[in-house]
Amino acid sequence: MAEPIITLLENWDETHTLTRDEAIAILELPDEQLPQLIETAYVLRTKYKGKKVSIQLLTNVRSGNCSQNCAYCAQSCESEAPIEKYRRVSDEKLYGDNDLVDEKHLARHCIGLSGIRFTDAEIEDLAARIRKMKKNDTQICCSIGFLTEKQAQLLKDAGLNRINHNLNTSRSFYPNICSTHTYEQRIQNIRMLKGIGFEMCCGGIIGMGESHGDVADMLMDIREIHPESVPINFLLPIEGTRLANRDISGLTPEYCLKVLCLARLMVPTSDIRCAAGREVYFKGIEPTLFKVVDSIFASGYLTAGGQGIDDTLRMIQEAGFTGELESTDEE
């Protein structure tokens, strides 16, 4: 199977829709053939994204006490991870982070709220905070579980640009990760949000015990959604969660790059973001990473730390790329 895939990559045709078998073959490509895969992805990356890297800052607006049992998450109802828990982050922290996004000319302020459902009063409070954060036309993305149509419209009217709702894994593997809500509920929520007019951010987590076929299936479903952004997270096992002792030896830099390249080939016009795990799995090979991805986080991931903003900007420049200045609605 490898030889036909290499031929396909060497003569890449964007009109070709990768099949499931071809996607799996890319994930199983011998490491010595990885450079050709990266070069194919790089052509698409530069065609649609140039050499800019979009940097997002993430603020945890509501932490812990979640009713859902997602196996990877420190905020899960089953998690015993020693994290800070609060229902509403301080205005000082939220608005301070938003000002930092504007000051550093970052691409977007991402805000995350633990939980699956929210009262109308909670959404109205969040909408008021979003209106205040939009004073400088900052691009804002929110990860917020499941909304009613009324609640989603409230946030849209407040100026929220984008909503993150990850598939996380394939439909068939999903019950191994979460049993308190279903994969189909996620799909239906995404359809409703797209119908209201939100930009979508939709990705997954690699390294939870899924097969190559599961990764291919997840990316094929994401291709159907065609979100503006595709965040790919690489599992960082957290003490106190169900996946605390998960074997991550298979998450080699080479395999992780194959996953990101496959995402680029599947949805070439979307932002491909290397999210959680970047500082661990790609440390020292950022110039190669940025040949594939055009989007990253700085300063942490909800309950996990990350590389600081200034160090991130310096790292991007040293890799031969530039931070993207797009923190207004005039994109």
Protein backbone atom coordinates (compact mmCIF):
# COMPACT_ATOMS: atom_id res chain seq x y z
CA MET A 1 0.00 0.00 0.00
CA ALA A 2 2.91 2.41 0.76
CA GLU A 3 4.15 2.70 -2.82
CA PRO A 4 0.82 3.82 -4.34
CA ILE A 5 0.45 6.34 -1.49
CA ILE A 6 3.89 7.79 -2.20
CA THR A 7 2.93 8.11 -5.87
CA LEU A 8 -0.27 9.83 -4.81
CA LEU A 9 1.67 12.25 -2.62
CA GLU A 10 4.28 13.01 -5.28
CA ASN A 11 1.52 13.88 -7.75
CA TRP A 12 -0.94 15.35 -5.27
CA ASP A 13 -4.25 16.46 -6.78
CA GLU A 14 -6.45 18.53 -4.48
CA THR A 15 -9.56 17.29 -6.22
CA HIS A 16 -8.79 13.78 -5.00
CA THR A 17 -10.83 12.80 -1.94
CA LEU A 18 -8.79 10.50 0.28
CA THR A 19 -10.47 7.19 1.02
CA ARG A 20 -10.40 5.57 4.45
CA ASP A 21 -7.83 3.01 3.28
CA GLU A 22 -5.62 5.76 1.84
CA ALA A 23 -5.87 7.75 5.07
CA ILE A 24 -4.82 4.72 7.11
CA ALA A 25 -1.94 4.08 4.69
CA ILE A 26 -0.69 7.64 5.27
CA LEU A 27 -0.71 7.06 9.04
CA GLU A 28 1.22 3.83 8.47
CA LEU A 29 3.70 5.33 6.01
CA PRO A 30 7.30 4.22 6.78
CA ASP A 31 9.18 6.94 8.64
CA GLU A 32 11.75 7.20 5.86
CA GLN A 33 8.97 8.36 3.53
CA LEU A 34 7.73 11.03 5.94
CA PRO A 35 9.68 13.87 4.21
CA GLN A 36 7.57 13.46 1.04
CA LEU A 37 4.36 13.58 3.12
CA ILE A 38 5.53 16.74 4.87
CA GLU A 39 6.46 18.41 1.58
CA THR A 40 3.02 17.63 0.16
CA ALA A 41 1.39 19.12 3.25
CA TYR A 42 3.73 22.14 3.08
CA VAL A 43 2.60 23.01 -0.43
CA LEU A 44 -1.01 23.16 0.81
CA ARG A 45 -0.04 25.00 3.99
CA THR A 46 1.74 27.77 2.08
CA LYS A 47 -0.95 27.93 -0.62
CA TYR A 48 -3.73 28.65 1.87
CA LYS A 49 -1.94 30.02 4.95
CA GLY A 50 1.36 31.44 3.72
CA LYS A 51 4.09 31.28 6.37
CA LYS A 52 2.06 32.80 9.18
CA VAL A 53 1.35 31.06 12.48
CA SER A 54 -1.92 31.96 14.20
CA ILE A 55 -1.50 32.14 18.00
CA GLN A 56 -4.42 31.67 20.38
CA LEU A 57 -4.59 32.43 24.10
CA LEU A 58 -6.84 30.17 26.18
CA THR A 59 -8.65 31.22 29.37
CA ASN A 60 -10.45 28.73 31.62
CA VAL A 61 -13.65 30.63 32.48
CA ARG A 62 -15.31 27.83 34.47
CA SER A 63 -13.13 25.06 35.90
CA GLY A 64 -13.95 21.61 37.23
CA ASN A 65 -17.19 20.20 38.66
CA CYS A 66 -18.22 18.87 35.24
CA SER A 67 -21.01 16.28 35.13
CA GLN A 68 -19.39 14.47 32.19
CA ASN A 69 -16.98 11.52 32.49
CA CYS A 70 -14.55 12.14 29.62
CA ALA A 71 -11.61 9.82 30.35
CA TYR A 72 -8.83 12.27 29.43
CA CYS A 73 -10.13 15.34 31.29
CA ALA A 74 -8.97 16.65 34.66
CA GLN A 75 -12.32 18.44 35.01
CA SER A 76 -14.40 15.26 34.60
CA CYS A 77 -16.79 14.14 37.34
CA GLU A 78 -14.63 11.00 37.69
CA SER A 79 -11.32 12.85 37.85
CA GLU A 80 -9.33 13.03 41.06
CA ALA A 81 -6.80 15.45 39.61
CA PRO A 82 -5.91 18.25 42.04
CA ILE A 83 -7.07 21.18 39.92
CA GLU A 84 -8.46 24.57 40.88
CA LYS A 85 -12.26 24.60 40.69
CA TYR A 86 -14.47 27.66 40.22
CA ARG A 87 -17.76 28.51 38.54
CA ARG A 88 -16.81 31.95 37.24
CA VAL A 89 -13.31 33.25 36.62
CA SER A 90 -12.62 36.75 37.91
CA ASP A 91 -13.21 39.74 35.67
CA GLU A 92 -9.61 40.74 36.31
CA LYS A 93 -8.29 37.47 34.85
CA LEU A 94 -10.72 37.30 31.92
CA TYR A 95 -10.39 40.91 30.78
CA GLY A 96 -6.68 40.93 31.54
CA ASP A 97 -6.17 37.97 29.21
CA ASN A 98 -8.31 39.66 26.57
CA ASP A 99 -6.21 42.81 26.78
CA LEU A 100 -3.08 40.65 26.43
CA VAL A 101 -4.45 39.16 23.19
CA ASP A 102 -4.84 42.68 21.82
CA GLU A 103 -1.52 43.94 23.20
CA LYS A 104 0.45 41.04 21.69
CA HIS A 105 -1.59 41.07 18.45
CA LEU A 106 -2.57 37.43 18.90
CA ALA A 107 -5.05 35.84 16.53
CA ARG A 108 -7.82 34.90 18.93
CA HIS A 109 -8.95 34.68 22.54
CA CYS A 110 -10.31 31.21 23.29
CA ILE A 111 -12.45 30.77 26.39
CA GLY A 112 -13.47 27.42 27.86
CA LEU A 113 -16.26 26.54 30.30
CA SER A 114 -16.49 23.12 31.94
CA GLY A 115 -19.90 21.50 31.94
CA ILE A 116 -22.42 20.32 29.39
CA ARG A 117 -25.50 22.48 29.95
CA PHE A 118 -25.98 26.02 31.23
CA THR A 119 -28.89 28.09 32.52
CA ASP A 120 -30.15 31.01 30.50
CA ALA A 121 -28.92 33.30 33.28
CA GLU A 122 -25.40 31.89 32.97
CA ILE A 123 -25.43 32.40 29.21
CA GLU A 124 -26.73 35.96 29.59
CA ASP A 125 -23.88 36.67 32.01
CA LEU A 126 -21.37 35.21 29.56
CA ALA A 127 -22.88 37.23 26.71
CA ALA A 128 -22.40 40.43 28.73
CA ARG A 129 -18.75 39.54 29.29
CA ILE A 130 -18.26 38.76 25.60
CA ARG A 131 -19.75 42.13 24.62
CA LYS A 132 -17.20 43.82 26.87
CA MET A 133 -14.33 41.73 25.44
CA LYS A 134 -15.39 42.67 21.91
CA LYS A 135 -14.69 46.35 22.56
CA ASN A 136 -11.56 46.08 20.40
CA ASP A 137 -13.14 43.62 17.95
CA THR A 138 -11.07 40.80 19.42
CA GLN A 139 -11.74 37.45 17.75
CA ILE A 140 -13.30 35.15 20.37
CA CYS A 141 -13.85 31.39 20.31
CA CYS A 142 -15.76 29.61 23.07
CA SER A 143 -15.73 25.95 24.14
CA ILE A 144 -19.01 25.49 25.99
CA GLY A 145 -20.64 22.08 25.73
CA PHE A 146 -24.25 21.92 24.52
CA LEU A 147 -26.35 25.04 24.02
CA THR A 148 -30.01 25.53 23.21
CA GLU A 149 -30.70 27.45 20.01
CA LYS A 150 -31.87 30.41 22.10
CA GLN A 151 -28.62 30.41 24.09
CA ALA A 152 -26.49 30.06 20.97
CA GLN A 153 -28.27 33.03 19.39
CA LEU A 154 -27.67 35.12 22.52
CA LEU A 155 -23.93 34.51 22.22
CA LYS A 156 -23.99 35.14 18.47
CA ASP A 157 -25.75 38.46 19.03
CA ALA A 158 -23.14 39.34 21.68
CA GLY A 159 -20.43 39.04 19.04
CA LEU A 160 -19.01 35.55 19.65
CA ASN A 161 -17.23 34.58 16.44
CA ARG A 162 -16.49 30.90 16.77
CA ILE A 163 -17.43 27.87 18.89
CA ASN A 164 -15.20 24.92 19.62
CA HIS A 165 -16.84 21.52 19.78
CA ASN A 166 -14.44 18.64 19.26
CA LEU A 167 -15.39 15.15 18.09
CA ASN A 168 -12.33 13.92 20.07
CA THR A 169 -12.24 10.48 18.43
CA SER A 170 -14.20 8.24 16.07
CA ARG A 171 -17.85 7.33 16.43
CA SER A 172 -17.00 3.68 17.14
CA PHE A 173 -14.30 4.42 19.75
CA TYR A 174 -16.21 7.21 21.48
CA PRO A 175 -18.02 4.99 24.07
CA ASN A 176 -14.58 4.00 25.42
CA ILE A 177 -13.89 7.65 26.24
CA CYS A 178 -17.24 9.03 27.38
CA SER A 179 -20.61 7.51 28.33
CA THR A 180 -22.47 10.55 29.68
CA HIS A 181 -23.21 11.93 26.23
CA THR A 182 -22.93 10.52 22.72
CA TYR A 183 -21.00 11.17 19.55
CA GLU A 184 -24.27 11.83 17.72
CA GLN A 185 -25.17 14.54 20.24
CA ARG A 186 -21.91 16.25 19.33
CA ILE A 187 -22.69 16.03 15.60
CA GLN A 188 -26.19 17.44 16.11
CA ASN A 189 -24.85 20.29 18.26
CA ILE A 190 -22.32 21.22 15.58
CA ARG A 191 -25.02 21.22 12.89
CA MET A 192 -27.20 23.54 14.98
CA LEU A 193 -24.31 25.96 15.63
CA LYS A 194 -23.33 26.04 11.95
CA GLY A 195 -26.97 26.71 11.07
CA ILE A 196 -26.97 29.78 13.31
CA GLY A 197 -23.89 31.04 11.51
CA PHE A 198 -21.02 30.35 13.88
CA GLU A 199 -17.55 29.59 12.61
CA MET A 200 -16.61 26.13 13.90
CA CYS A 201 -13.52 24.78 15.60
CA CYS A 202 -13.60 20.97 15.62
CA GLY A 203 -10.80 18.49 16.23
CA GLY A 204 -9.73 15.58 18.36
CA ILE A 205 -7.31 13.89 20.73
CA ILE A 206 -4.68 11.40 19.61
CA GLY A 207 -3.21 8.71 21.87
CA MET A 208 -6.23 7.53 23.87
CA GLY A 209 -5.99 3.93 22.65
CA GLU A 210 -7.68 4.45 19.29
CA SER A 211 -6.64 2.63 16.11
CA HIS A 212 -5.36 4.20 12.91
CA GLY A 213 -8.80 3.50 11.49
CA ASP A 214 -10.36 5.53 14.29
CA VAL A 215 -8.11 8.50 13.49
CA ALA A 216 -9.04 8.23 9.81
CA ASP A 217 -12.77 7.99 10.63
CA MET A 218 -12.62 11.03 12.92
CA LEU A 219 -10.85 13.13 10.29
CA MET A 220 -13.29 12.01 7.60
CA ASP A 221 -16.19 13.22 9.79
CA ILE A 222 -14.34 16.49 10.42
CA ARG A 223 -13.89 16.83 6.67
CA GLU A 224 -17.69 16.64 6.29
CA ILE A 225 -18.12 19.39 8.90
CA HIS A 226 -15.40 21.49 7.23
CA PRO A 227 -14.66 23.67 10.26
CA GLU A 228 -12.63 26.86 10.09
CA SER A 229 -10.18 25.37 12.59
CA VAL A 230 -9.05 21.80 13.34
CA PRO A 231 -7.23 21.48 16.69
CA ILE A 232 -5.31 18.23 17.09
CA ASN A 233 -4.38 17.40 20.68
CA PHE A 234 -1.83 14.75 21.63
CA LEU A 235 -2.65 13.07 24.92
CA LEU A 236 -0.87 14.26 28.02
CA PRO A 237 -1.91 11.68 30.64
CA ILE A 238 -3.10 13.49 33.76
CA GLU A 239 -2.76 11.91 37.19
CA GLY A 240 -6.21 11.30 38.62
CA THR A 241 -7.93 10.69 35.28
CA ARG A 242 -8.92 7.38 33.70
CA LEU A 243 -6.12 7.72 31.15
CA ALA A 244 -3.45 8.56 33.72
CA ASN A 245 -1.49 5.39 32.92
CA ARG A 246 -2.18 5.32 29.20
CA ASP A 247 0.81 4.09 27.18
CA ILE A 248 1.84 6.98 24.94
CA SER A 249 5.01 5.39 23.55
CA GLY A 250 3.34 5.26 20.14
CA LEU A 251 3.13 9.06 20.03
CA THR A 252 6.49 9.49 18.37
CA PRO A 253 7.20 12.81 16.64
CA GLU A 254 7.02 10.95 13.33
CA TYR A 255 3.57 9.50 13.98
CA CYS A 256 2.26 12.79 15.35
CA LEU A 257 3.45 14.54 12.20
CA LYS A 258 1.68 11.95 10.05
CA VAL A 259 -1.59 12.72 11.86
CA LEU A 260 -1.16 16.46 11.32
CA CYS A 261 -0.24 15.95 7.66
CA LEU A 262 -3.32 13.82 7.15
CA ALA A 263 -5.45 16.58 8.69
CA ARG A 264 -3.86 19.09 6.29
CA LEU A 265 -4.60 16.85 3.29
CA MET A 266 -8.17 16.26 4.47
CA VAL A 267 -9.12 19.90 5.11
CA PRO A 268 -6.40 22.01 3.45
CA THR A 269 -8.18 25.36 3.74
CA SER A 270 -8.84 25.04 7.49
CA ASP A 271 -6.47 26.20 10.21
CA ILE A 272 -4.63 23.07 11.37
CA ARG A 273 -3.72 23.62 15.01
CA CYS A 274 -1.22 21.62 17.02
CA ALA A 275 -2.82 22.02 20.44
CA ALA A 276 -2.08 20.11 23.66
CA GLY A 277 1.17 18.17 23.60
CA ARG A 278 3.04 20.52 21.28
CA GLU A 279 5.69 21.39 23.84
CA VAL A 280 6.26 17.69 24.63
CA TYR A 281 6.05 15.83 21.31
CA PHE A 282 7.54 18.48 18.99
CA LYS A 283 10.16 20.11 21.18
CA GLY A 284 13.17 20.98 19.04
CA ILE A 285 11.52 20.24 15.68
CA GLU A 286 9.31 23.33 15.41
CA PRO A 287 10.58 24.28 11.92
CA THR A 288 9.26 20.93 10.67
CA LEU A 289 6.03 21.23 12.65
CA PHE A 290 5.25 24.64 11.15
CA LYS A 291 5.61 23.25 7.63
CA VAL A 292 2.33 21.44 8.40
CA VAL A 293 0.40 23.47 10.99
CA ASP A 294 -0.46 27.15 10.98
CA SER A 295 -2.06 27.51 14.41
CA ILE A 296 -1.01 26.95 18.04
CA PHE A 297 -1.83 27.92 21.62
CA ALA A 298 0.43 29.92 23.90
CA SER A 299 0.46 29.96 27.71
CA GLY A 300 -1.33 26.72 28.50
CA TYR A 301 -4.36 24.46 28.00
CA LEU A 302 -7.15 24.90 30.58
CA THR A 303 -5.64 22.80 33.40
CA ALA A 304 -2.14 22.27 31.94
CA GLY A 305 0.71 24.71 31.53
CA GLY A 306 2.34 25.68 28.25
CA GLN A 307 4.98 27.83 26.61
CA GLY A 308 4.74 31.57 27.37
CA ILE A 309 3.68 34.06 24.71
CA ASP A 310 7.02 35.82 24.28
CA ASP A 311 8.88 32.50 24.07
CA THR A 312 6.29 31.25 21.58
CA LEU A 313 6.71 34.30 19.35
CA ARG A 314 10.50 33.95 19.49
CA MET A 315 10.29 30.23 18.67
CA ILE A 316 8.08 30.95 15.63
CA GLN A 317 10.52 33.56 14.32
CA GLU A 318 13.52 31.28 14.85
CA ALA A 319 11.69 28.58 12.86
CA GLY A 320 11.43 30.98 9.92
CA PHE A 321 7.74 31.83 10.27
CA THR A 322 5.82 34.87 11.51
CA GLY A 323 3.11 35.36 14.11
CA GLU A 324 -0.21 36.25 12.48
CA LEU A 325 -1.68 39.66 13.28
CA GLU A 326 -5.42 39.12 12.95
CA SER A 327 -7.02 40.05 16.27
CA THR A 328 -9.81 42.12 14.71
CA ASP A 329 -12.91 41.31 12.70
CA GLU A 330 -11.19 42.70 9.60
CA GLU A 331 -9.60 39.38 8.58
